[in-house]
Amino acid sequence: MGSETNRISGAVATSLMVIAVGVLLLLNQIGAFPARYELSFWPILLVAFGAAKLLSSQTGDRHWGALLMLVGALFQLNDWGFIHFRFRDLWPLLIIAVGAMLLWNSLHGKNLLVFKTSTDPNFDGQFDLNYIFGGGEPRLQTKEFRGGRLNAIFGGFKLDLSRAEIQGDEAAIEANVVFGGGEILVPETWRVVLHGSGIFGGYDNKTRYFQPDASQPAKTLIVKGSAVFAGIVVKNY
């Protein structure tokens, strides 16, 4: 019930932000703002999308929301002439973001890259993976899969779950990618539901659901998160 409530509240926040963006852009089109303060489409979209994430009850979503709002605000201020930079001038911000993530995880007793295998005695059926300026191809084989989180900035991943089994009837993966891409491989016997949001990117479900034994309970994988200038595809092996 809790996960369903979070999903609905997140969808409501995103919907409200989309409406707000539409209203602002309509006012912009009819000249309601002074010429100097006309809005640019994609920076304000980043700010609104980040705000929706910031309103989420998920800690990871709030972190991504703050980052998206910062990037969108910087580009909007640049368009207005308050600051002056080129996109290539922003690379030090990425180092700052990496340092902030390291600091946050250190203060909360987490590593930047956490992946427990099914042979690890501390394995709890979940994973937490973060890729920055890089990527990986983790493969998970377990009968206790419950979900996990994947974050990539200027990086990517290929997560192989083709030999994993979901514990219970449902599992969820949160996949957030900025300037990158990712693949998630799943068995044909899993039903995939996408709740991801994209800005100049998106999610694609290329799976084919097939359950040869009708007496077996249906297994559902929910994939959510955000793709900004990125693409995430879920497919069969």
Protein backbone atom coordinates (compact mmCIF):
# COMPACT_ATOMS: atom_id res chain seq x y z
CA MET A 1 0.00 0.00 0.00
CA GLY A 2 2.84 2.37 0.84
CA SER A 3 4.55 1.99 -2.55
CA GLU A 4 1.25 2.49 -4.34
CA THR A 5 0.58 5.66 -2.34
CA ASN A 6 4.06 6.98 -3.16
CA ARG A 7 3.53 6.22 -6.85
CA ILE A 8 0.20 8.05 -6.93
CA SER A 9 1.52 11.07 -5.03
CA GLY A 10 4.52 11.23 -7.36
CA ALA A 11 2.26 11.07 -10.41
CA VAL A 12 0.05 13.85 -9.00
CA ALA A 13 3.10 16.06 -8.33
CA THR A 14 4.40 15.47 -11.86
CA SER A 15 0.98 16.21 -13.37
CA LEU A 16 0.68 19.47 -11.44
CA MET A 17 4.13 20.54 -12.54
CA VAL A 18 3.31 19.78 -16.19
CA ILE A 19 0.19 21.92 -15.88
CA ALA A 20 2.24 24.70 -14.25
CA VAL A 21 4.78 24.58 -17.10
CA GLY A 22 1.96 24.76 -19.64
CA VAL A 23 0.46 27.81 -17.91
CA LEU A 24 3.83 29.57 -17.70
CA LEU A 25 4.63 28.88 -21.34
CA LEU A 26 1.17 30.06 -22.41
CA LEU A 27 1.67 33.31 -20.50
CA ASN A 28 5.09 33.58 -22.10
CA GLN A 29 3.61 33.12 -25.59
CA ILE A 30 1.01 35.86 -25.13
CA GLY A 31 3.62 38.33 -23.86
CA ALA A 32 2.65 38.39 -20.18
CA PHE A 33 6.31 38.59 -19.12
CA PRO A 34 8.71 41.44 -19.89
CA ALA A 35 10.86 40.73 -22.95
CA ARG A 36 13.98 40.31 -20.85
CA TYR A 37 12.35 37.65 -18.71
CA GLU A 38 10.84 35.46 -21.39
CA LEU A 39 11.09 31.79 -20.46
CA SER A 40 13.10 29.22 -22.37
CA PHE A 41 11.33 25.92 -22.88
CA TRP A 42 13.76 23.24 -21.75
CA PRO A 43 15.34 25.07 -18.75
CA ILE A 44 11.93 25.74 -17.21
CA LEU A 45 10.96 22.15 -17.97
CA LEU A 46 14.00 20.92 -16.04
CA VAL A 47 13.12 23.17 -13.10
CA ALA A 48 9.52 21.95 -13.03
CA PHE A 49 10.48 18.30 -13.40
CA GLY A 50 13.04 18.71 -10.62
CA ALA A 51 10.43 20.34 -8.42
CA ALA A 52 8.12 17.37 -8.93
CA LYS A 53 10.95 15.04 -7.89
CA LEU A 54 11.72 17.26 -4.91
CA LEU A 55 8.14 16.86 -3.70
CA SER A 56 8.49 13.08 -3.82
CA SER A 57 8.64 11.10 -0.59
CA GLN A 58 11.63 9.14 -1.90
CA THR A 59 15.03 10.41 -0.75
CA GLY A 60 16.72 9.47 -4.02
CA ASP A 61 14.07 11.35 -6.01
CA ARG A 62 14.63 14.48 -3.92
CA HIS A 63 18.37 14.41 -4.66
CA TRP A 64 17.76 14.14 -8.39
CA GLY A 65 15.09 16.81 -8.19
CA ALA A 66 17.46 19.29 -6.56
CA LEU A 67 20.10 18.58 -9.23
CA LEU A 68 17.64 19.06 -12.10
CA MET A 69 16.32 22.30 -10.60
CA LEU A 70 19.86 23.63 -10.24
CA VAL A 71 20.78 22.80 -13.85
CA GLY A 72 17.54 24.27 -15.20
CA ALA A 73 17.89 27.44 -13.11
CA LEU A 74 21.48 27.97 -14.28
CA PHE A 75 20.50 27.72 -17.94
CA GLN A 76 17.51 30.01 -17.46
CA LEU A 77 19.64 32.62 -15.69
CA ASN A 78 22.14 32.32 -18.53
CA ASP A 79 19.40 33.00 -21.08
CA TRP A 80 18.33 36.07 -19.09
CA GLY A 81 21.89 37.37 -19.02
CA PHE A 82 22.40 37.31 -15.25
CA ILE A 83 25.27 34.86 -15.66
CA HIS A 84 27.33 33.95 -18.68
CA PHE A 85 28.68 30.50 -19.48
CA ARG A 86 28.86 27.87 -22.16
CA PHE A 87 27.77 24.32 -21.56
CA ARG A 88 31.37 23.10 -21.57
CA ASP A 89 32.14 25.53 -18.75
CA LEU A 90 29.94 23.59 -16.34
CA TRP A 91 32.07 20.47 -15.98
CA PRO A 92 33.43 21.55 -12.54
CA LEU A 93 29.84 21.35 -11.28
CA LEU A 94 29.89 17.64 -12.03
CA ILE A 95 32.92 17.23 -9.76
CA ILE A 96 31.06 19.16 -7.07
CA ALA A 97 28.03 16.89 -7.55
CA VAL A 98 30.20 13.79 -7.24
CA GLY A 99 31.78 15.15 -4.07
CA ALA A 100 28.36 15.97 -2.63
CA MET A 101 27.13 12.44 -3.35
CA LEU A 102 30.23 10.97 -1.74
CA LEU A 103 29.76 13.17 1.33
CA TRP A 104 26.06 12.34 1.63
CA ASN A 105 26.66 8.61 1.33
CA SER A 106 29.57 8.74 3.77
CA LEU A 107 27.49 10.56 6.37
CA HIS A 108 24.75 7.96 5.99
CA GLY A 109 27.08 4.98 6.08
CA LYS A 110 26.74 4.06 2.41
CA ASN A 111 29.24 3.41 -0.34
CA LEU A 112 28.96 5.13 -3.69
CA LEU A 113 28.73 1.76 -5.40
CA VAL A 114 26.89 -1.00 -3.57
CA PHE A 115 26.09 -4.33 -5.14
CA LYS A 116 25.55 -7.50 -3.14
CA THR A 117 25.50 -10.82 -4.93
CA SER A 118 23.27 -13.75 -4.07
CA THR A 119 26.30 -15.45 -2.47
CA ASP A 120 26.81 -12.57 -0.03
CA PRO A 121 25.52 -13.57 3.44
CA ASN A 122 24.21 -10.01 3.84
CA PHE A 123 22.30 -10.09 0.57
CA ASP A 124 18.75 -8.83 1.10
CA GLY A 125 17.44 -9.13 -2.46
CA GLN A 126 18.11 -5.48 -3.32
CA PHE A 127 20.91 -3.41 -4.85
CA ASP A 128 22.04 0.22 -5.04
CA LEU A 129 24.25 1.16 -8.01
CA ASN A 130 25.67 4.57 -8.95
CA TYR A 131 27.73 5.28 -12.06
CA ILE A 132 29.40 8.63 -12.79
CA PHE A 133 31.45 9.04 -15.96
CA GLY A 134 31.40 5.29 -16.37
CA GLY A 135 29.21 2.22 -16.36
CA GLY A 136 28.89 -1.45 -15.67
CA GLU A 137 27.15 -4.69 -16.59
CA PRO A 138 26.01 -6.25 -13.30
CA ARG A 139 24.40 -9.68 -13.43
CA LEU A 140 22.15 -10.84 -10.62
CA GLN A 141 21.08 -14.46 -10.14
CA THR A 142 18.89 -14.89 -7.09
CA LYS A 143 15.50 -16.26 -6.09
CA GLU A 144 15.02 -13.41 -3.62
CA PHE A 145 15.01 -10.37 -5.91
CA ARG A 146 13.03 -7.46 -4.41
CA GLY A 147 14.23 -4.48 -6.44
CA GLY A 148 16.91 -1.82 -6.36
CA ARG A 149 18.17 1.53 -7.57
CA LEU A 150 20.36 2.55 -10.51
CA ASN A 151 21.75 6.07 -10.97
CA ALA A 152 23.99 7.14 -13.85
CA ILE A 153 25.40 10.57 -14.71
CA PHE A 154 27.29 10.71 -18.01
CA GLY A 155 27.36 6.94 -17.82
CA GLY A 156 25.32 3.84 -18.41
CA PHE A 157 24.54 0.32 -17.36
CA LYS A 158 23.35 -3.07 -18.56
CA LEU A 159 21.61 -4.89 -15.74
CA ASP A 160 21.06 -8.59 -16.39
CA LEU A 161 18.15 -10.07 -14.40
CA SER A 162 17.39 -12.77 -16.94
CA ARG A 163 18.10 -15.55 -14.40
CA ALA A 164 16.71 -13.86 -11.32
CA GLU A 165 13.40 -14.63 -9.62
CA ILE A 166 11.19 -12.09 -7.90
CA GLN A 167 10.48 -12.70 -4.24
CA GLY A 168 6.71 -12.38 -3.92
CA ASP A 169 4.59 -11.05 -6.76
CA GLU A 170 6.16 -7.65 -7.38
CA ALA A 171 9.50 -5.85 -7.41
CA ALA A 172 10.48 -2.27 -8.29
CA ILE A 173 13.57 -0.71 -9.83
CA GLU A 174 14.26 3.02 -9.74
CA ALA A 175 16.45 3.99 -12.70
CA ASN A 176 17.66 7.59 -13.07
CA VAL A 177 19.97 8.58 -15.93
CA VAL A 178 21.29 11.98 -16.98
CA PHE A 179 23.20 12.14 -20.29
CA GLY A 180 23.58 8.41 -20.72
CA GLY A 181 21.60 5.24 -21.18
CA GLY A 182 20.75 1.90 -19.74
CA GLU A 183 19.42 -1.57 -20.45
CA ILE A 184 17.57 -3.90 -18.12
CA LEU A 185 17.26 -7.54 -19.20
CA VAL A 186 14.42 -9.55 -17.67
CA PRO A 187 12.86 -13.02 -18.14
CA GLU A 188 9.90 -13.45 -20.48
CA THR A 189 7.80 -14.61 -17.53
CA TRP A 190 7.93 -11.14 -15.92
CA ARG A 191 5.31 -8.55 -16.69
CA VAL A 192 6.94 -5.10 -17.00
CA VAL A 193 5.20 -1.86 -16.03
CA LEU A 194 6.90 1.49 -16.73
CA HIS A 195 6.31 4.58 -14.60
CA GLY A 196 9.39 6.52 -15.74
CA SER A 197 9.45 10.15 -16.85
CA GLY A 198 11.63 11.55 -19.60
CA ILE A 199 13.00 14.96 -20.59
CA PHE A 200 14.54 14.80 -24.05
CA GLY A 201 14.68 11.07 -23.45
CA GLY A 202 12.49 8.29 -22.17
CA TYR A 203 11.76 4.69 -21.31
CA ASP A 204 11.03 1.89 -23.74
CA ASN A 205 9.46 -1.49 -22.98
CA LYS A 206 10.53 -4.08 -25.55
CA THR A 207 9.65 -7.15 -23.51
CA ARG A 208 7.31 -9.92 -24.56
CA TYR A 209 5.34 -11.44 -21.72
CA PHE A 210 4.89 -15.20 -21.86
CA GLN A 211 3.88 -17.47 -18.98
CA PRO A 212 3.77 -21.12 -20.14
CA ASP A 213 2.35 -22.31 -16.81
CA ALA A 214 -0.94 -20.56 -16.05
CA SER A 215 -0.95 -21.99 -12.53
CA GLN A 216 2.13 -19.92 -11.62
CA PRO A 217 1.55 -16.51 -9.97
CA ALA A 218 2.18 -13.48 -12.17
CA LYS A 219 5.45 -11.66 -11.49
CA THR A 220 5.52 -7.91 -12.11
CA LEU A 221 8.54 -5.63 -12.38
CA ILE A 222 7.86 -1.92 -11.98
CA VAL A 223 10.49 0.39 -13.49
CA LYS A 224 10.32 4.03 -12.45
CA GLY A 225 12.60 7.06 -12.32
CA SER A 226 13.70 9.77 -14.73
CA ALA A 227 15.67 9.93 -17.98
CA VAL A 228 17.13 13.32 -18.85
CA PHE A 229 18.83 13.47 -22.24
CA ALA A 230 18.97 9.70 -21.87
CA GLY A 231 17.21 6.49 -22.78
CA ILE A 232 16.38 3.40 -20.76
CA VAL A 233 15.13 0.22 -22.38
CA VAL A 234 13.73 -2.91 -20.73
CA LYS A 235 13.90 -6.06 -22.85
CA ASN A 236 14.25 -9.82 -22.78
CA TYR A 237 17.57 -11.55 -22.99
